[in-house]
Amino acid sequence: MSNFSYPVLVADVGGTNCRLSLVEDAGAPHQPLARIGTGSHTTPEAALEAVLVTLTQRPRSAVLAVAGPLEGRSAQLTNANWHFDGPLIGRALGLKQGLLVNDFEAQAASLAVLGPTDVTTLVAGEPEPDGVRLVLGPGTGFGAAALIKRGRRGVLVPTESGHIGVGPEDLTEAKIWPALTAGLPRVTVEDLLSGDGLVRFHRAVASETGMLEPDVSAADVTTLALDGDPAALMAVVCFWRLLARVAGDLALVFKATGGVYISGGIVPRLLPLADQAKIQAVFSGKPPMEDLAARFSLHVVTAHDGAEQGLAAIAAAPERFGLDDPARLWFA
């Protein structure tokens, strides 16, 4: 297929916020337009139009990243009530063509274009240039996707890894597990490795240690930990440990010899509290697969616009990522 008609609207739609940018031409940097609350309007097309109506030049195409599973040209947000129907959005906004992608497909596509200054390395490993690369991360939910290279082309593999089950692995986790998972009918990665998960860790640590701690938001837990609050610090230590364990497990699932990348808004703020030696021990400690796990590298994406960079790369060359699929594209 030919590349998208420009300007292209790109949007990263999460369970809490929706970030919109405009890419004026292929290869041009994206220009931020707005950040709006997910659910601020009844429908996504109404929310997008509220921003587009302010522009002097409207987009002709759109690539929208949605935090939820896709079915061809439609998608449902997992942690909010917006439903996306690609052709309907195209007609409502007067777009010539468009594409829906999973939010972590956008993050995985960004791995092809991010620069050295966009990431911080926690575990060096022995990455292979053409190896499978995996991106994962906690936010309102938890997502993961892989970028598999096949010559000059790549294949994006979105997953619903956030909804796999998880249990305690050592005595420390076992001690706080009842308080950590109270009220959950099934304990998943997303329950514990998300904004709500960080709050759960804080509440569980405070309960087990007898500390009197108020219920606070994930952002508050981070701030308290950076300020040296004991319960918040322990919550962050536990959060990092579980994140490293899950990242290492998923690296084994995908044999991610190209590297594992943690994205999202939570983890970059927690970097000052990352104990790299402990993270490496948990991330790579995978008997009987220690030799393979020792080859995996682990990085944190510190760029605030990774998803937008990935969406712009998709718009410029969808075939580069195996997204030139007529079953997913829509046209006016």
C-alpha atoms as a PDB file:
ATOM      1  CA  MET A   1       0.000   0.000   0.000  1.00  0.00           C
ATOM      2  CA  SER A   2       1.026   3.616  -0.331  1.00  0.00           C
ATOM      3  CA  ASN A   3       1.930   5.460   2.837  1.00  0.00           C
ATOM      4  CA  PHE A   4      -0.656   7.489   4.694  1.00  0.00           C
ATOM      5  CA  SER A   5      -1.840  10.848   3.383  1.00  0.00           C
ATOM      6  CA  TYR A   6      -0.434  13.719   5.400  1.00  0.00           C
ATOM      7  CA  PRO A   7      -0.969  15.421   7.769  1.00  0.00           C
ATOM      8  CA  VAL A   8      -1.478  12.365   9.988  1.00  0.00           C
ATOM      9  CA  LEU A   9      -3.145  12.491  13.380  1.00  0.00           C
ATOM     10  CA  VAL A  10      -1.466  10.156  15.870  1.00  0.00           C
ATOM     11  CA  ALA A  11      -2.981   9.468  19.264  1.00  0.00           C
ATOM     12  CA  ASP A  12      -1.923   7.349  22.228  1.00  0.00           C
ATOM     13  CA  VAL A  13      -5.145   6.445  24.032  1.00  0.00           C
ATOM     14  CA  GLY A  14      -4.675   4.950  27.473  1.00  0.00           C
ATOM     15  CA  GLY A  15      -7.066   4.133  30.259  1.00  0.00           C
ATOM     16  CA  THR A  16      -6.534   7.543  31.895  1.00  0.00           C
ATOM     17  CA  ASN A  17      -5.181   9.967  29.297  1.00  0.00           C
ATOM     18  CA  CYS A  18      -5.219  10.464  25.543  1.00  0.00           C
ATOM     19  CA  ARG A  19      -2.265  12.272  23.925  1.00  0.00           C
ATOM     20  CA  LEU A  20      -2.753  13.684  20.441  1.00  0.00           C
ATOM     21  CA  SER A  21      -0.071  14.854  18.003  1.00  0.00           C
ATOM     22  CA  LEU A  22       0.101  15.829  14.347  1.00  0.00           C
ATOM     23  CA  VAL A  23       2.739  14.623  11.894  1.00  0.00           C
ATOM     24  CA  GLU A  24       2.841  17.062   8.986  1.00  0.00           C
ATOM     25  CA  ASP A  25       4.953  14.968   6.613  1.00  0.00           C
ATOM     26  CA  ALA A  26       6.772  11.648   6.448  1.00  0.00           C
ATOM     27  CA  GLY A  27       9.904  11.829   8.578  1.00  0.00           C
ATOM     28  CA  ALA A  28       8.822  15.044  10.283  1.00  0.00           C
ATOM     29  CA  PRO A  29       8.734  15.104  14.089  1.00  0.00           C
ATOM     30  CA  HIS A  30       5.308  14.871  15.637  1.00  0.00           C
ATOM     31  CA  GLN A  31       3.832  18.099  16.971  1.00  0.00           C
ATOM     32  CA  PRO A  32       1.904  17.711  20.231  1.00  0.00           C
ATOM     33  CA  LEU A  33      -1.677  18.968  20.037  1.00  0.00           C
ATOM     34  CA  ALA A  34      -3.350  18.159  23.327  1.00  0.00           C
ATOM     35  CA  ARG A  35      -3.602  15.830  26.283  1.00  0.00           C
ATOM     36  CA  ILE A  36      -7.157  15.077  27.319  1.00  0.00           C
ATOM     37  CA  GLY A  37      -8.743  12.785  29.838  1.00  0.00           C
ATOM     38  CA  THR A  38      -9.964   9.472  28.504  1.00  0.00           C
ATOM     39  CA  GLY A  39     -13.726   9.532  28.930  1.00  0.00           C
ATOM     40  CA  SER A  40     -13.830  13.350  28.845  1.00  0.00           C
ATOM     41  CA  HIS A  41     -16.355  12.946  26.023  1.00  0.00           C
ATOM     42  CA  THR A  42     -18.975  10.281  25.441  1.00  0.00           C
ATOM     43  CA  THR A  43     -17.204   8.850  22.394  1.00  0.00           C
ATOM     44  CA  PRO A  44     -13.618   8.905  21.131  1.00  0.00           C
ATOM     45  CA  GLU A  45     -14.660  10.579  17.867  1.00  0.00           C
ATOM     46  CA  ALA A  46     -16.254  13.426  19.852  1.00  0.00           C
ATOM     47  CA  ALA A  47     -13.090  13.806  21.939  1.00  0.00           C
ATOM     48  CA  LEU A  48     -10.840  13.858  18.868  1.00  0.00           C
ATOM     49  CA  GLU A  49     -13.092  16.327  17.041  1.00  0.00           C
ATOM     50  CA  ALA A  50     -12.997  18.693  20.029  1.00  0.00           C
ATOM     51  CA  VAL A  51      -9.247  19.039  19.394  1.00  0.00           C
ATOM     52  CA  LEU A  52      -9.280  18.935  15.587  1.00  0.00           C
ATOM     53  CA  VAL A  53     -11.870  21.711  15.320  1.00  0.00           C
ATOM     54  CA  THR A  54      -9.250  24.117  16.718  1.00  0.00           C
ATOM     55  CA  LEU A  55      -6.740  23.403  13.911  1.00  0.00           C
ATOM     56  CA  THR A  56      -6.217  25.486  10.806  1.00  0.00           C
ATOM     57  CA  GLN A  57      -5.204  22.370   8.866  1.00  0.00           C
ATOM     58  CA  ARG A  58      -7.078  19.158   9.547  1.00  0.00           C
ATOM     59  CA  PRO A  59      -5.404  15.747   9.294  1.00  0.00           C
ATOM     60  CA  ARG A  60      -6.108  13.545   6.283  1.00  0.00           C
ATOM     61  CA  SER A  61      -5.232  10.256   8.005  1.00  0.00           C
ATOM     62  CA  ALA A  62      -4.961   8.845  11.509  1.00  0.00           C
ATOM     63  CA  VAL A  63      -3.018   6.142  13.339  1.00  0.00           C
ATOM     64  CA  LEU A  64      -4.559   5.573  16.754  1.00  0.00           C
ATOM     65  CA  ALA A  65      -3.030   3.458  19.518  1.00  0.00           C
ATOM     66  CA  VAL A  66      -5.628   1.961  21.843  1.00  0.00           C
ATOM     67  CA  ALA A  67      -4.954   0.349  25.236  1.00  0.00           C
ATOM     68  CA  GLY A  68      -6.983  -2.782  24.620  1.00  0.00           C
ATOM     69  CA  PRO A  69      -7.326  -5.807  22.327  1.00  0.00           C
ATOM     70  CA  LEU A  70      -8.106  -5.222  18.652  1.00  0.00           C
ATOM     71  CA  GLU A  71     -10.514  -7.034  16.371  1.00  0.00           C
ATOM     72  CA  GLY A  72      -9.636  -5.923  12.845  1.00  0.00           C
ATOM     73  CA  ARG A  73     -10.853  -2.327  12.576  1.00  0.00           C
ATOM     74  CA  SER A  74     -12.371  -2.051  16.045  1.00  0.00           C
ATOM     75  CA  ALA A  75     -11.103  -1.989  19.606  1.00  0.00           C
ATOM     76  CA  GLN A  76     -12.368  -1.616  23.149  1.00  0.00           C
ATOM     77  CA  LEU A  77     -10.370   0.097  25.878  1.00  0.00           C
ATOM     78  CA  THR A  78      -9.696  -2.358  28.693  1.00  0.00           C
ATOM     79  CA  ASN A  79      -9.774   0.183  31.526  1.00  0.00           C
ATOM     80  CA  ALA A  80     -12.276   2.733  30.160  1.00  0.00           C
ATOM     81  CA  ASN A  81     -15.588   2.598  28.287  1.00  0.00           C
ATOM     82  CA  TRP A  82     -14.582   4.036  24.902  1.00  0.00           C
ATOM     83  CA  HIS A  83     -15.163   1.784  21.907  1.00  0.00           C
ATOM     84  CA  PHE A  84     -13.259   2.436  18.677  1.00  0.00           C
ATOM     85  CA  ASP A  85     -14.740   1.733  15.250  1.00  0.00           C
ATOM     86  CA  GLY A  86     -12.141   2.756  12.676  1.00  0.00           C
ATOM     87  CA  PRO A  87     -14.430   3.448   9.683  1.00  0.00           C
ATOM     88  CA  LEU A  88     -16.907   5.282  11.926  1.00  0.00           C
ATOM     89  CA  ILE A  89     -14.146   7.497  13.310  1.00  0.00           C
ATOM     90  CA  GLY A  90     -12.877   8.104   9.775  1.00  0.00           C
ATOM     91  CA  ARG A  91     -16.286   9.283   8.571  1.00  0.00           C
ATOM     92  CA  ALA A  92     -16.873  11.408  11.672  1.00  0.00           C
ATOM     93  CA  LEU A  93     -13.532  13.196  11.364  1.00  0.00           C
ATOM     94  CA  GLY A  94     -13.403  13.396   7.560  1.00  0.00           C
ATOM     95  CA  LEU A  95     -10.289  11.244   7.267  1.00  0.00           C
ATOM     96  CA  LYS A  96      -9.103   9.666   4.029  1.00  0.00           C
ATOM     97  CA  GLN A  97      -7.623   6.587   5.689  1.00  0.00           C
ATOM     98  CA  GLY A  98      -6.599   5.243   9.061  1.00  0.00           C
ATOM     99  CA  LEU A  99      -5.385   2.412  11.237  1.00  0.00           C
ATOM    100  CA  LEU A 100      -5.974   1.206  14.779  1.00  0.00           C
ATOM    101  CA  VAL A 101      -3.097  -0.401  16.654  1.00  0.00           C
ATOM    102  CA  ASN A 102      -2.689  -1.740  20.150  1.00  0.00           C
ATOM    103  CA  ASP A 103      -0.913   0.774  22.384  1.00  0.00           C
ATOM    104  CA  PHE A 104       2.012  -1.588  22.847  1.00  0.00           C
ATOM    105  CA  GLU A 105       2.270  -2.168  19.106  1.00  0.00           C
ATOM    106  CA  ALA A 106       3.101   1.548  18.999  1.00  0.00           C
ATOM    107  CA  GLN A 107       5.630   1.116  21.795  1.00  0.00           C
ATOM    108  CA  ALA A 108       7.190  -1.857  20.001  1.00  0.00           C
ATOM    109  CA  ALA A 109       7.420   0.124  16.747  1.00  0.00           C
ATOM    110  CA  SER A 110       9.240   2.871  18.644  1.00  0.00           C
ATOM    111  CA  LEU A 111      12.089   0.439  19.373  1.00  0.00           C
ATOM    112  CA  ALA A 112      13.054   0.755  15.686  1.00  0.00           C
ATOM    113  CA  VAL A 113      13.488   4.539  15.961  1.00  0.00           C
ATOM    114  CA  LEU A 114      14.415   5.429  19.558  1.00  0.00           C
ATOM    115  CA  GLY A 115      17.912   6.847  20.026  1.00  0.00           C
ATOM    116  CA  PRO A 116      20.533   6.077  22.699  1.00  0.00           C
ATOM    117  CA  THR A 117      19.462   9.096  24.756  1.00  0.00           C
ATOM    118  CA  ASP A 118      15.890   7.797  24.893  1.00  0.00           C
ATOM    119  CA  VAL A 119      16.738   4.800  27.089  1.00  0.00           C
ATOM    120  CA  THR A 120      18.563   3.977  30.325  1.00  0.00           C
ATOM    121  CA  THR A 121      20.202   0.559  30.651  1.00  0.00           C
ATOM    122  CA  LEU A 122      19.709  -1.431  33.854  1.00  0.00           C
ATOM    123  CA  VAL A 123      21.160  -4.773  32.707  1.00  0.00           C
ATOM    124  CA  ALA A 124      23.722  -4.768  29.884  1.00  0.00           C
ATOM    125  CA  GLY A 125      23.328  -8.415  28.816  1.00  0.00           C
ATOM    126  CA  GLU A 126      24.580  -9.466  25.378  1.00  0.00           C
ATOM    127  CA  PRO A 127      21.945  -8.106  22.976  1.00  0.00           C
ATOM    128  CA  GLU A 128      21.786  -9.317  19.370  1.00  0.00           C
ATOM    129  CA  PRO A 129      21.119  -6.609  16.747  1.00  0.00           C
ATOM    130  CA  ASP A 130      18.527  -8.750  14.952  1.00  0.00           C
ATOM    131  CA  GLY A 131      17.146 -10.477  18.030  1.00  0.00           C
ATOM    132  CA  VAL A 132      13.555 -10.232  19.197  1.00  0.00           C
ATOM    133  CA  ARG A 133      12.936  -7.059  21.172  1.00  0.00           C
ATOM    134  CA  LEU A 134      10.262  -6.897  23.837  1.00  0.00           C
ATOM    135  CA  VAL A 135       8.603  -3.831  25.336  1.00  0.00           C
ATOM    136  CA  LEU A 136       6.436  -3.958  28.425  1.00  0.00           C
ATOM    137  CA  GLY A 137       5.257  -1.583  31.018  1.00  0.00           C
ATOM    138  CA  PRO A 138       2.978  -0.573  33.866  1.00  0.00           C
ATOM    139  CA  GLY A 139       0.597   2.370  33.627  1.00  0.00           C
ATOM    140  CA  THR A 140      -3.134   2.422  34.215  1.00  0.00           C
ATOM    141  CA  GLY A 141      -2.839  -1.221  33.125  1.00  0.00           C
ATOM    142  CA  PHE A 142       0.055  -3.419  32.020  1.00  0.00           C
ATOM    143  CA  GLY A 143       0.960  -4.072  28.389  1.00  0.00           C
ATOM    144  CA  ALA A 144       3.583  -5.941  26.390  1.00  0.00           C
ATOM    145  CA  ALA A 145       4.455  -6.428  22.733  1.00  0.00           C
ATOM    146  CA  ALA A 146       7.362  -7.751  20.700  1.00  0.00           C
ATOM    147  CA  LEU A 147       9.176  -6.501  17.608  1.00  0.00           C
ATOM    148  CA  ILE A 148      10.423  -9.419  15.524  1.00  0.00           C
ATOM    149  CA  LYS A 149      12.765  -8.532  12.653  1.00  0.00           C
ATOM    150  CA  ARG A 150      12.600 -10.384   9.354  1.00  0.00           C
ATOM    151  CA  GLY A 151      15.210  -8.759   7.143  1.00  0.00           C
ATOM    152  CA  ARG A 152      14.164  -5.177   6.489  1.00  0.00           C
ATOM    153  CA  ARG A 153      10.649  -5.841   7.699  1.00  0.00           C
ATOM    154  CA  GLY A 154       9.458  -6.254  11.220  1.00  0.00           C
ATOM    155  CA  VAL A 155       6.457  -7.938  12.749  1.00  0.00           C
ATOM    156  CA  LEU A 156       4.699  -6.435  15.747  1.00  0.00           C
ATOM    157  CA  VAL A 157       3.219  -8.971  18.154  1.00  0.00           C
ATOM    158  CA  PRO A 158       0.787  -7.436  20.656  1.00  0.00           C
ATOM    159  CA  THR A 159      -0.153  -9.487  23.704  1.00  0.00           C
ATOM    160  CA  GLU A 160      -2.467  -9.470  26.685  1.00  0.00           C
ATOM    161  CA  SER A 161       0.351 -10.442  29.036  1.00  0.00           C
ATOM    162  CA  GLY A 162      -0.980  -8.155  31.736  1.00  0.00           C
ATOM    163  CA  HIS A 163      -3.771 -10.634  32.375  1.00  0.00           C
ATOM    164  CA  ILE A 164      -1.650 -13.719  33.092  1.00  0.00           C
ATOM    165  CA  GLY A 165      -1.648 -15.013  36.651  1.00  0.00           C
ATOM    166  CA  VAL A 166       1.162 -14.378  39.114  1.00  0.00           C
ATOM    167  CA  GLY A 167       2.036 -15.669  42.584  1.00  0.00           C
ATOM    168  CA  PRO A 168       4.671 -15.148  45.306  1.00  0.00           C
ATOM    169  CA  GLU A 169       8.168 -16.497  44.673  1.00  0.00           C
ATOM    170  CA  ASP A 170      10.042 -15.872  47.916  1.00  0.00           C
ATOM    171  CA  LEU A 171       9.403 -15.459  51.644  1.00  0.00           C
ATOM    172  CA  THR A 172       9.168 -11.671  51.451  1.00  0.00           C
ATOM    173  CA  GLU A 173       6.483 -11.801  48.785  1.00  0.00           C
ATOM    174  CA  ALA A 174       4.685 -14.636  50.575  1.00  0.00           C
ATOM    175  CA  LYS A 175       4.537 -12.578  53.772  1.00  0.00           C
ATOM    176  CA  ILE A 176       2.762  -9.604  52.202  1.00  0.00           C
ATOM    177  CA  TRP A 177       0.793 -11.599  49.588  1.00  0.00           C
ATOM    178  CA  PRO A 178      -2.478 -11.939  51.577  1.00  0.00           C
ATOM    179  CA  ALA A 179      -2.655  -8.178  52.200  1.00  0.00           C
ATOM    180  CA  LEU A 180      -1.390  -7.393  48.700  1.00  0.00           C
ATOM    181  CA  THR A 181      -4.048  -9.444  46.927  1.00  0.00           C
ATOM    182  CA  ALA A 182      -6.995  -8.957  49.295  1.00  0.00           C
ATOM    183  CA  GLY A 183     -10.281  -8.762  47.416  1.00  0.00           C
ATOM    184  CA  LEU A 184      -8.910  -9.981  44.103  1.00  0.00           C
ATOM    185  CA  PRO A 185     -10.775 -12.961  42.612  1.00  0.00           C
ATOM    186  CA  ARG A 186      -7.717 -13.754  40.478  1.00  0.00           C
ATOM    187  CA  VAL A 187      -4.246 -12.238  40.858  1.00  0.00           C
ATOM    188  CA  THR A 188      -2.820 -10.995  37.569  1.00  0.00           C
ATOM    189  CA  VAL A 189       0.306  -9.126  36.540  1.00  0.00           C
ATOM    190  CA  GLU A 190      -1.789  -6.019  35.863  1.00  0.00           C
ATOM    191  CA  ASP A 191      -3.312  -6.127  39.356  1.00  0.00           C
ATOM    192  CA  LEU A 192       0.145  -5.707  40.883  1.00  0.00           C
ATOM    193  CA  LEU A 193       2.221  -4.011  38.178  1.00  0.00           C
ATOM    194  CA  SER A 194       0.165  -0.911  37.433  1.00  0.00           C
ATOM    195  CA  GLY A 195      -0.633   2.348  39.160  1.00  0.00           C
ATOM    196  CA  ASP A 196      -3.184   0.542  41.318  1.00  0.00           C
ATOM    197  CA  GLY A 197      -0.614  -2.164  41.945  1.00  0.00           C
ATOM    198  CA  LEU A 198       1.894   0.284  43.384  1.00  0.00           C
ATOM    199  CA  VAL A 199      -0.843   1.550  45.708  1.00  0.00           C
ATOM    200  CA  ARG A 200      -1.581  -2.056  46.690  1.00  0.00           C
ATOM    201  CA  PHE A 201       2.091  -2.647  47.533  1.00  0.00           C
ATOM    202  CA  HIS A 202       2.125   0.486  49.684  1.00  0.00           C
ATOM    203  CA  ARG A 203      -1.024  -0.534  51.527  1.00  0.00           C
ATOM    204  CA  ALA A 204       0.224  -4.106  52.035  1.00  0.00           C
ATOM    205  CA  VAL A 205       3.639  -3.051  53.349  1.00  0.00           C
ATOM    206  CA  ALA A 206       2.063  -0.576  55.759  1.00  0.00           C
ATOM    207  CA  SER A 207      -0.381  -3.234  56.964  1.00  0.00           C
ATOM    208  CA  GLU A 208       2.298  -5.887  57.530  1.00  0.00           C
ATOM    209  CA  THR A 209       4.700  -3.516  59.294  1.00  0.00           C
ATOM    210  CA  GLY A 210       2.087  -1.818  61.455  1.00  0.00           C
ATOM    211  CA  MET A 211       2.805   1.613  59.984  1.00  0.00           C
ATOM    212  CA  LEU A 212      -0.037   4.107  59.910  1.00  0.00           C
ATOM    213  CA  GLU A 213      -0.108   5.209  56.284  1.00  0.00           C
ATOM    214  CA  PRO A 214      -2.940   6.993  54.453  1.00  0.00           C
ATOM    215  CA  ASP A 215      -4.400   5.694  51.212  1.00  0.00           C
ATOM    216  CA  VAL A 216      -2.583   7.622  48.498  1.00  0.00           C
ATOM    217  CA  SER A 217      -2.238   7.600  44.702  1.00  0.00           C
ATOM    218  CA  ALA A 218       0.570   5.930  42.764  1.00  0.00           C
ATOM    219  CA  ALA A 219       2.121   9.353  42.138  1.00  0.00           C
ATOM    220  CA  ASP A 220       2.001  10.049  45.886  1.00  0.00           C
ATOM    221  CA  VAL A 221       3.706   6.724  46.662  1.00  0.00           C
ATOM    222  CA  THR A 222       6.509   7.646  44.263  1.00  0.00           C
ATOM    223  CA  THR A 223       6.902  11.098  45.825  1.00  0.00           C
ATOM    224  CA  LEU A 224       6.875   9.664  49.349  1.00  0.00           C
ATOM    225  CA  ALA A 225       9.479   7.058  48.386  1.00  0.00           C
ATOM    226  CA  LEU A 226      11.754   9.682  46.842  1.00  0.00           C
ATOM    227  CA  ASP A 227      11.397  11.647  50.087  1.00  0.00           C
ATOM    228  CA  GLY A 228      12.498   8.610  52.114  1.00  0.00           C
ATOM    229  CA  ASP A 229       9.177   7.413  53.562  1.00  0.00           C
ATOM    230  CA  PRO A 230       9.890   3.849  54.832  1.00  0.00           C
ATOM    231  CA  ALA A 231       6.627   2.194  53.747  1.00  0.00           C
ATOM    232  CA  ALA A 232       6.704   3.845  50.330  1.00  0.00           C
ATOM    233  CA  LEU A 233      10.364   2.895  49.848  1.00  0.00           C
ATOM    234  CA  MET A 234       9.648  -0.744  50.673  1.00  0.00           C
ATOM    235  CA  ALA A 235       6.623  -0.679  48.350  1.00  0.00           C
ATOM    236  CA  VAL A 236       8.805   0.562  45.496  1.00  0.00           C
ATOM    237  CA  VAL A 237      11.486  -2.081  46.251  1.00  0.00           C
ATOM    238  CA  CYS A 238       8.820  -4.807  46.081  1.00  0.00           C
ATOM    239  CA  PHE A 239       7.361  -3.292  42.907  1.00  0.00           C
ATOM    240  CA  TRP A 240      10.776  -3.206  41.194  1.00  0.00           C
ATOM    241  CA  ARG A 241      11.466  -6.804  42.211  1.00  0.00           C
ATOM    242  CA  LEU A 242       8.209  -8.127  40.777  1.00  0.00           C
ATOM    243  CA  LEU A 243       8.628  -6.033  37.638  1.00  0.00           C
ATOM    244  CA  ALA A 244      12.126  -7.450  37.071  1.00  0.00           C
ATOM    245  CA  ARG A 245      10.835 -10.992  37.648  1.00  0.00           C
ATOM    246  CA  VAL A 246       7.941 -10.614  35.191  1.00  0.00           C
ATOM    247  CA  ALA A 247      10.206  -8.894  32.639  1.00  0.00           C
ATOM    248  CA  GLY A 248      12.639 -11.813  32.828  1.00  0.00           C
ATOM    249  CA  ASP A 249       9.824 -14.361  32.523  1.00  0.00           C
ATOM    250  CA  LEU A 250       8.385 -12.641  29.441  1.00  0.00           C
ATOM    251  CA  ALA A 251      11.892 -12.388  27.973  1.00  0.00           C
ATOM    252  CA  LEU A 252      12.041 -16.178  28.161  1.00  0.00           C
ATOM    253  CA  VAL A 253       8.605 -16.479  26.525  1.00  0.00           C
ATOM    254  CA  PHE A 254       9.761 -14.450  23.508  1.00  0.00           C
ATOM    255  CA  LYS A 255      13.467 -15.370  23.701  1.00  0.00           C
ATOM    256  CA  ALA A 256      14.070 -11.616  23.615  1.00  0.00           C
ATOM    257  CA  THR A 257      17.766 -11.622  22.736  1.00  0.00           C
ATOM    258  CA  GLY A 258      17.396  -8.156  21.195  1.00  0.00           C
ATOM    259  CA  GLY A 259      16.587  -6.632  24.578  1.00  0.00           C
ATOM    260  CA  VAL A 260      13.728  -5.933  26.960  1.00  0.00           C
ATOM    261  CA  TYR A 261      12.439  -2.376  27.301  1.00  0.00           C
ATOM    262  CA  ILE A 262      10.239  -1.034  30.096  1.00  0.00           C
ATOM    263  CA  SER A 263       8.024   1.858  29.036  1.00  0.00           C
ATOM    264  CA  GLY A 264       5.218   3.870  30.569  1.00  0.00           C
ATOM    265  CA  GLY A 265       4.895   6.849  32.846  1.00  0.00           C
ATOM    266  CA  ILE A 266       5.495   5.133  36.188  1.00  0.00           C
ATOM    267  CA  VAL A 267       8.906   3.510  35.887  1.00  0.00           C
ATOM    268  CA  PRO A 268      11.049   6.472  34.727  1.00  0.00           C
ATOM    269  CA  ARG A 269      10.097   8.289  37.939  1.00  0.00           C
ATOM    270  CA  LEU A 270      11.192   5.248  39.945  1.00  0.00           C
ATOM    271  CA  LEU A 271      14.641   5.047  38.327  1.00  0.00           C
ATOM    272  CA  PRO A 272      16.434   6.857  41.199  1.00  0.00           C
ATOM    273  CA  LEU A 273      15.221   4.054  43.477  1.00  0.00           C
ATOM    274  CA  ALA A 274      16.313   1.191  41.206  1.00  0.00           C
ATOM    275  CA  ASP A 275      18.842  -1.162  42.802  1.00  0.00           C
ATOM    276  CA  GLN A 276      20.529  -2.408  39.627  1.00  0.00           C
ATOM    277  CA  ALA A 277      22.338  -5.316  41.283  1.00  0.00           C
ATOM    278  CA  LYS A 278      19.107  -6.701  42.783  1.00  0.00           C
ATOM    279  CA  ILE A 279      17.176  -6.055  39.580  1.00  0.00           C
ATOM    280  CA  GLN A 280      19.784  -7.955  37.546  1.00  0.00           C
ATOM    281  CA  ALA A 281      19.756 -10.854  39.991  1.00  0.00           C
ATOM    282  CA  VAL A 282      15.976 -11.245  39.742  1.00  0.00           C
ATOM    283  CA  PHE A 283      15.759 -10.498  36.004  1.00  0.00           C
ATOM    284  CA  SER A 284      18.477 -13.013  35.079  1.00  0.00           C
ATOM    285  CA  GLY A 285      17.956 -15.594  37.813  1.00  0.00           C
ATOM    286  CA  LYS A 286      15.965 -18.128  35.791  1.00  0.00           C
ATOM    287  CA  PRO A 287      17.163 -21.672  36.568  1.00  0.00           C
ATOM    288  CA  PRO A 288      17.621 -23.856  34.612  1.00  0.00           C
ATOM    289  CA  MET A 289      17.878 -21.176  31.863  1.00  0.00           C
ATOM    290  CA  GLU A 290      20.497 -18.933  33.472  1.00  0.00           C
ATOM    291  CA  ASP A 291      22.822 -18.976  30.450  1.00  0.00           C
ATOM    292  CA  LEU A 292      20.083 -17.761  28.118  1.00  0.00           C
ATOM    293  CA  ALA A 293      18.699 -15.263  30.625  1.00  0.00           C
ATOM    294  CA  ALA A 294      22.176 -13.786  31.131  1.00  0.00           C
ATOM    295  CA  ARG A 295      22.106 -12.681  27.485  1.00  0.00           C
ATOM    296  CA  PHE A 296      18.952 -10.587  27.931  1.00  0.00           C
ATOM    297  CA  SER A 297      19.449  -6.860  28.369  1.00  0.00           C
ATOM    298  CA  LEU A 298      17.019  -4.649  30.279  1.00  0.00           C
ATOM    299  CA  HIS A 299      16.358  -0.976  29.593  1.00  0.00           C
ATOM    300  CA  VAL A 300      13.942   1.749  30.651  1.00  0.00           C
ATOM    301  CA  VAL A 301      12.484   3.994  27.951  1.00  0.00           C
ATOM    302  CA  THR A 302      12.901   7.490  29.368  1.00  0.00           C
ATOM    303  CA  ALA A 303      11.563   9.352  26.308  1.00  0.00           C
ATOM    304  CA  HIS A 304       8.162  10.792  27.165  1.00  0.00           C
ATOM    305  CA  ASP A 305       6.926  10.394  23.595  1.00  0.00           C
ATOM    306  CA  GLY A 306       7.901   6.828  22.711  1.00  0.00           C
ATOM    307  CA  ALA A 307       4.398   5.855  21.590  1.00  0.00           C
ATOM    308  CA  GLU A 308       4.108   8.930  19.366  1.00  0.00           C
ATOM    309  CA  GLN A 309       7.492   8.173  17.798  1.00  0.00           C
ATOM    310  CA  GLY A 310       6.306   4.641  17.105  1.00  0.00           C
ATOM    311  CA  LEU A 311       3.024   5.849  15.599  1.00  0.00           C
ATOM    312  CA  ALA A 312       4.849   8.294  13.339  1.00  0.00           C
ATOM    313  CA  ALA A 313       7.133   5.469  12.173  1.00  0.00           C
ATOM    314  CA  ILE A 314       4.094   3.293  11.421  1.00  0.00           C
ATOM    315  CA  ALA A 315       2.445   6.093   9.441  1.00  0.00           C
ATOM    316  CA  ALA A 316       5.600   6.641   7.392  1.00  0.00           C
ATOM    317  CA  ALA A 317       5.985   2.956   6.453  1.00  0.00           C
ATOM    318  CA  PRO A 318       3.277   0.576   7.731  1.00  0.00           C
ATOM    319  CA  GLU A 319       4.721  -2.270   5.663  1.00  0.00           C
ATOM    320  CA  ARG A 320       7.930  -1.975   7.689  1.00  0.00           C
ATOM    321  CA  PHE A 321       5.995  -3.380  10.649  1.00  0.00           C
ATOM    322  CA  GLY A 322       3.686  -5.794   8.866  1.00  0.00           C
ATOM    323  CA  LEU A 323       0.755  -3.408   9.288  1.00  0.00           C
ATOM    324  CA  ASP A 324      -0.096  -3.034   5.592  1.00  0.00           C
ATOM    325  CA  ASP A 325      -3.023  -5.364   6.272  1.00  0.00           C
ATOM    326  CA  PRO A 326      -6.267  -4.592   4.412  1.00  0.00           C
ATOM    327  CA  ALA A 327      -8.199  -6.314   7.181  1.00  0.00           C
ATOM    328  CA  ARG A 328      -7.068  -3.589   9.586  1.00  0.00           C
ATOM    329  CA  LEU A 329      -6.807  -0.482   7.404  1.00  0.00           C
ATOM    330  CA  TRP A 330      -9.816   1.630   6.606  1.00  0.00           C
ATOM    331  CA  PHE A 331     -10.375   4.070   3.728  1.00  0.00           C
ATOM    332  CA  ALA A 332     -12.899   6.772   2.972  1.00  0.00           C
END
